[in-house]
Every structure is written in structure tokens, then in C-alpha cells.
């Protein structure tokens, strides 16, 4: 879960950078990739640390060479925030179970 939270946090920073540069000529949007590596680690039963990768988008650019799409960034930000909240709640649920077990003992 720590790897997922770290990667989602990085994605939030990259999205913020993309939005901040929406009007910067020649700026190419960044994209954070980690889901495939995380899925492979989980399916292999490993508790491996997954390092997120930031890549520049190859989407078409506008006349000024910028390819940041504000609609895409907004939707990606909402999706990332929801995923982050789910991951945090999952971790919190685990700690709640531990707290309950300690109190019962």
C-alpha cells in the first residue's frame, strides 16, 4: 500500500505541474505509470517496492507545442484523489482491526 500511496502522491504532483504549465509553450504533459508494475508484484505475491515512472505524454500538441488538456488533467486529478482515499481507508481499516484486537486483549 505504501508504494501505491507514494505513486498516487507523485501523480498528484505531476498533475499539478501539468495544470500550472497549461499555457507554457512547448510543455509536454507528464504521466505517472505504476499500476502495471504494482499489479505484477501483487500477483507474484511479492511485497516489493514499486517505483513510479514519469513519462512525457505523446498526445498531439497545440500550435504552441503544448499538449496539456485541462479536462483530462481535471478528470485524472479526481480519479487519483479517489484512489488515494480508498488506499488510505484500506490502511486505516487494518489499523482499526489491530486497535480492536488490542482493546479486547
C-alpha atoms as a PDB file:
ATOM      1  CA  UNK A   1       0.000   0.000   0.000  1.00  0.00           C
ATOM      2  CA  UNK A   2       2.896   2.343   0.691  1.00  0.00           C
ATOM      3  CA  UNK A   3       4.058   2.020  -2.918  1.00  0.00           C
ATOM      4  CA  UNK A   4       0.560   2.808  -4.173  1.00  0.00           C
ATOM      5  CA  UNK A   5       0.239   5.843  -1.896  1.00  0.00           C
ATOM      6  CA  UNK A   6       3.680   7.124  -2.922  1.00  0.00           C
ATOM      7  CA  UNK A   7       2.870   6.710  -6.615  1.00  0.00           C
ATOM      8  CA  UNK A   8      -0.544   8.347  -6.286  1.00  0.00           C
ATOM      9  CA  UNK A   9       1.045  11.234  -4.421  1.00  0.00           C
ATOM     10  CA  UNK A  10       3.591  11.619  -7.216  1.00  0.00           C
ATOM     11  CA  UNK A  11       0.766  11.558  -9.764  1.00  0.00           C
ATOM     12  CA  UNK A  12      -0.977  14.380  -7.886  1.00  0.00           C
ATOM     13  CA  UNK A  13       2.218  16.470  -8.056  1.00  0.00           C
ATOM     14  CA  UNK A  14       2.653  15.772 -11.778  1.00  0.00           C
ATOM     15  CA  UNK A  15      -0.969  16.714 -12.482  1.00  0.00           C
ATOM     16  CA  UNK A  16      -0.489  19.967 -10.555  1.00  0.00           C
ATOM     17  CA  UNK A  17       2.654  20.662 -12.610  1.00  0.00           C
ATOM     18  CA  UNK A  18       0.745  19.944 -15.825  1.00  0.00           C
ATOM     19  CA  UNK A  19      -2.058  22.329 -14.863  1.00  0.00           C
ATOM     20  CA  UNK A  20       0.431  25.017 -13.823  1.00  0.00           C
ATOM     21  CA  UNK A  21       2.021  24.780 -17.278  1.00  0.00           C
ATOM     22  CA  UNK A  22      -1.172  24.625 -19.340  1.00  0.00           C
ATOM     23  CA  UNK A  23      -0.135  27.775 -21.252  1.00  0.00           C
ATOM     24  CA  UNK A  24       3.638  27.181 -21.370  1.00  0.00           C
ATOM     25  CA  UNK A  25       4.794  26.857 -24.996  1.00  0.00           C
ATOM     26  CA  UNK A  26       6.477  23.523 -25.719  1.00  0.00           C
ATOM     27  CA  UNK A  27       5.476  21.918 -22.409  1.00  0.00           C
ATOM     28  CA  UNK A  28       4.563  18.247 -22.675  1.00  0.00           C
ATOM     29  CA  UNK A  29       2.276  16.802 -20.017  1.00  0.00           C
ATOM     30  CA  UNK A  30       3.740  14.276 -17.625  1.00  0.00           C
ATOM     31  CA  UNK A  31       2.133  10.901 -16.962  1.00  0.00           C
ATOM     32  CA  UNK A  32       2.910   8.678 -13.958  1.00  0.00           C
ATOM     33  CA  UNK A  33       2.950   4.948 -14.663  1.00  0.00           C
ATOM     34  CA  UNK A  34       2.972   2.394 -11.868  1.00  0.00           C
ATOM     35  CA  UNK A  35      -0.185   0.279 -11.999  1.00  0.00           C
ATOM     36  CA  UNK A  36       1.252  -2.483 -14.211  1.00  0.00           C
ATOM     37  CA  UNK A  37       4.363  -2.924 -12.051  1.00  0.00           C
ATOM     38  CA  UNK A  38       2.242  -2.918  -8.888  1.00  0.00           C
ATOM     39  CA  UNK A  39      -0.175  -5.499 -10.314  1.00  0.00           C
ATOM     40  CA  UNK A  40       2.750  -7.765 -11.293  1.00  0.00           C
ATOM     41  CA  UNK A  41       4.267  -7.512  -7.813  1.00  0.00           C
ATOM     42  CA  UNK A  42       0.939  -8.275  -6.131  1.00  0.00           C
ATOM     43  CA  UNK A  43       0.116 -11.192  -8.453  1.00  0.00           C
ATOM     44  CA  UNK A  44       3.572 -12.659  -7.814  1.00  0.00           C
ATOM     45  CA  UNK A  45       2.876 -12.485  -4.093  1.00  0.00           C
ATOM     46  CA  UNK A  46       5.768 -10.125  -3.509  1.00  0.00           C
ATOM     47  CA  UNK A  47       5.718  -7.217  -1.141  1.00  0.00           C
ATOM     48  CA  UNK A  48       8.048  -5.347  -3.466  1.00  0.00           C
ATOM     49  CA  UNK A  49       8.620  -1.625  -3.627  1.00  0.00           C
ATOM     50  CA  UNK A  50       7.288  -0.308  -6.920  1.00  0.00           C
ATOM     51  CA  UNK A  51       8.981   2.784  -8.318  1.00  0.00           C
ATOM     52  CA  UNK A  52       6.624   5.013 -10.303  1.00  0.00           C
ATOM     53  CA  UNK A  53       7.869   6.252 -13.659  1.00  0.00           C
ATOM     54  CA  UNK A  54       7.163   9.739 -15.007  1.00  0.00           C
ATOM     55  CA  UNK A  55       6.975   9.878 -18.776  1.00  0.00           C
ATOM     56  CA  UNK A  56       6.133  12.724 -21.111  1.00  0.00           C
ATOM     57  CA  UNK A  57       2.848  12.430 -22.953  1.00  0.00           C
ATOM     58  CA  UNK A  58       2.967  11.707 -26.672  1.00  0.00           C
ATOM     59  CA  UNK A  59      -0.503  13.146 -27.240  1.00  0.00           C
ATOM     60  CA  UNK A  60      -0.848  15.669 -30.071  1.00  0.00           C
ATOM     61  CA  UNK A  61       0.230  19.211 -29.314  1.00  0.00           C
ATOM     62  CA  UNK A  62      -1.386  22.544 -29.973  1.00  0.00           C
ATOM     63  CA  UNK A  63       0.242  25.119 -32.232  1.00  0.00           C
ATOM     64  CA  UNK A  64       2.484  26.302 -29.391  1.00  0.00           C
ATOM     65  CA  UNK A  65       3.825  22.749 -28.807  1.00  0.00           C
ATOM     66  CA  UNK A  66       1.927  22.274 -25.537  1.00  0.00           C
ATOM     67  CA  UNK A  67      -0.257  19.179 -25.119  1.00  0.00           C
ATOM     68  CA  UNK A  68      -1.788  19.731 -21.655  1.00  0.00           C
ATOM     69  CA  UNK A  69      -5.545  19.181 -21.783  1.00  0.00           C
ATOM     70  CA  UNK A  70      -7.222  20.786 -18.782  1.00  0.00           C
ATOM     71  CA  UNK A  71     -10.246  18.459 -18.991  1.00  0.00           C
ATOM     72  CA  UNK A  72      -8.010  15.371 -18.981  1.00  0.00           C
ATOM     73  CA  UNK A  73      -5.969  16.707 -16.062  1.00  0.00           C
ATOM     74  CA  UNK A  74      -9.087  17.531 -14.046  1.00  0.00           C
ATOM     75  CA  UNK A  75     -10.538  14.049 -14.534  1.00  0.00           C
ATOM     76  CA  UNK A  76      -7.197  12.431 -13.755  1.00  0.00           C
ATOM     77  CA  UNK A  77      -6.936  14.511 -10.583  1.00  0.00           C
ATOM     78  CA  UNK A  78     -10.389  13.414  -9.422  1.00  0.00           C
ATOM     79  CA  UNK A  79      -9.595   9.755 -10.184  1.00  0.00           C
ATOM     80  CA  UNK A  80      -6.245   9.969  -8.383  1.00  0.00           C
ATOM     81  CA  UNK A  81      -7.784  11.598  -5.313  1.00  0.00           C
ATOM     82  CA  UNK A  82     -10.462   8.896  -5.103  1.00  0.00           C
ATOM     83  CA  UNK A  83      -7.865   6.126  -5.427  1.00  0.00           C
ATOM     84  CA  UNK A  84      -5.767   7.769  -2.723  1.00  0.00           C
ATOM     85  CA  UNK A  85      -8.758   7.967  -0.374  1.00  0.00           C
ATOM     86  CA  UNK A  86      -9.575   4.284  -0.951  1.00  0.00           C
ATOM     87  CA  UNK A  87      -5.975   3.283  -0.211  1.00  0.00           C
ATOM     88  CA  UNK A  88      -5.883   5.365   2.978  1.00  0.00           C
ATOM     89  CA  UNK A  89      -9.190   3.885   4.148  1.00  0.00           C
ATOM     90  CA  UNK A  90      -7.864   0.409   3.473  1.00  0.00           C
ATOM     91  CA  UNK A  91      -4.826   1.062   5.625  1.00  0.00           C
ATOM     92  CA  UNK A  92      -6.978   2.674   8.301  1.00  0.00           C
ATOM     93  CA  UNK A  93      -9.235  -0.388   8.323  1.00  0.00           C
ATOM     94  CA  UNK A  94      -6.224  -2.576   9.048  1.00  0.00           C
ATOM     95  CA  UNK A  95      -5.158  -0.343  11.926  1.00  0.00           C
ATOM     96  CA  UNK A  96      -8.733  -0.299  13.263  1.00  0.00           C
ATOM     97  CA  UNK A  97      -8.704  -4.092  13.388  1.00  0.00           C
ATOM     98  CA  UNK A  98      -5.390  -4.032  15.271  1.00  0.00           C
ATOM     99  CA  UNK A  99      -6.711  -1.425  17.735  1.00  0.00           C
ATOM    100  CA  UNK A 100      -9.835  -3.532  18.337  1.00  0.00           C
ATOM    101  CA  UNK A 101      -7.723  -6.630  18.935  1.00  0.00           C
ATOM    102  CA  UNK A 102      -5.516  -4.753  21.418  1.00  0.00           C
ATOM    103  CA  UNK A 103      -8.502  -3.358  23.312  1.00  0.00           C
ATOM    104  CA  UNK A 104     -10.100  -6.803  23.508  1.00  0.00           C
ATOM    105  CA  UNK A 105      -6.985  -8.373  24.970  1.00  0.00           C
END
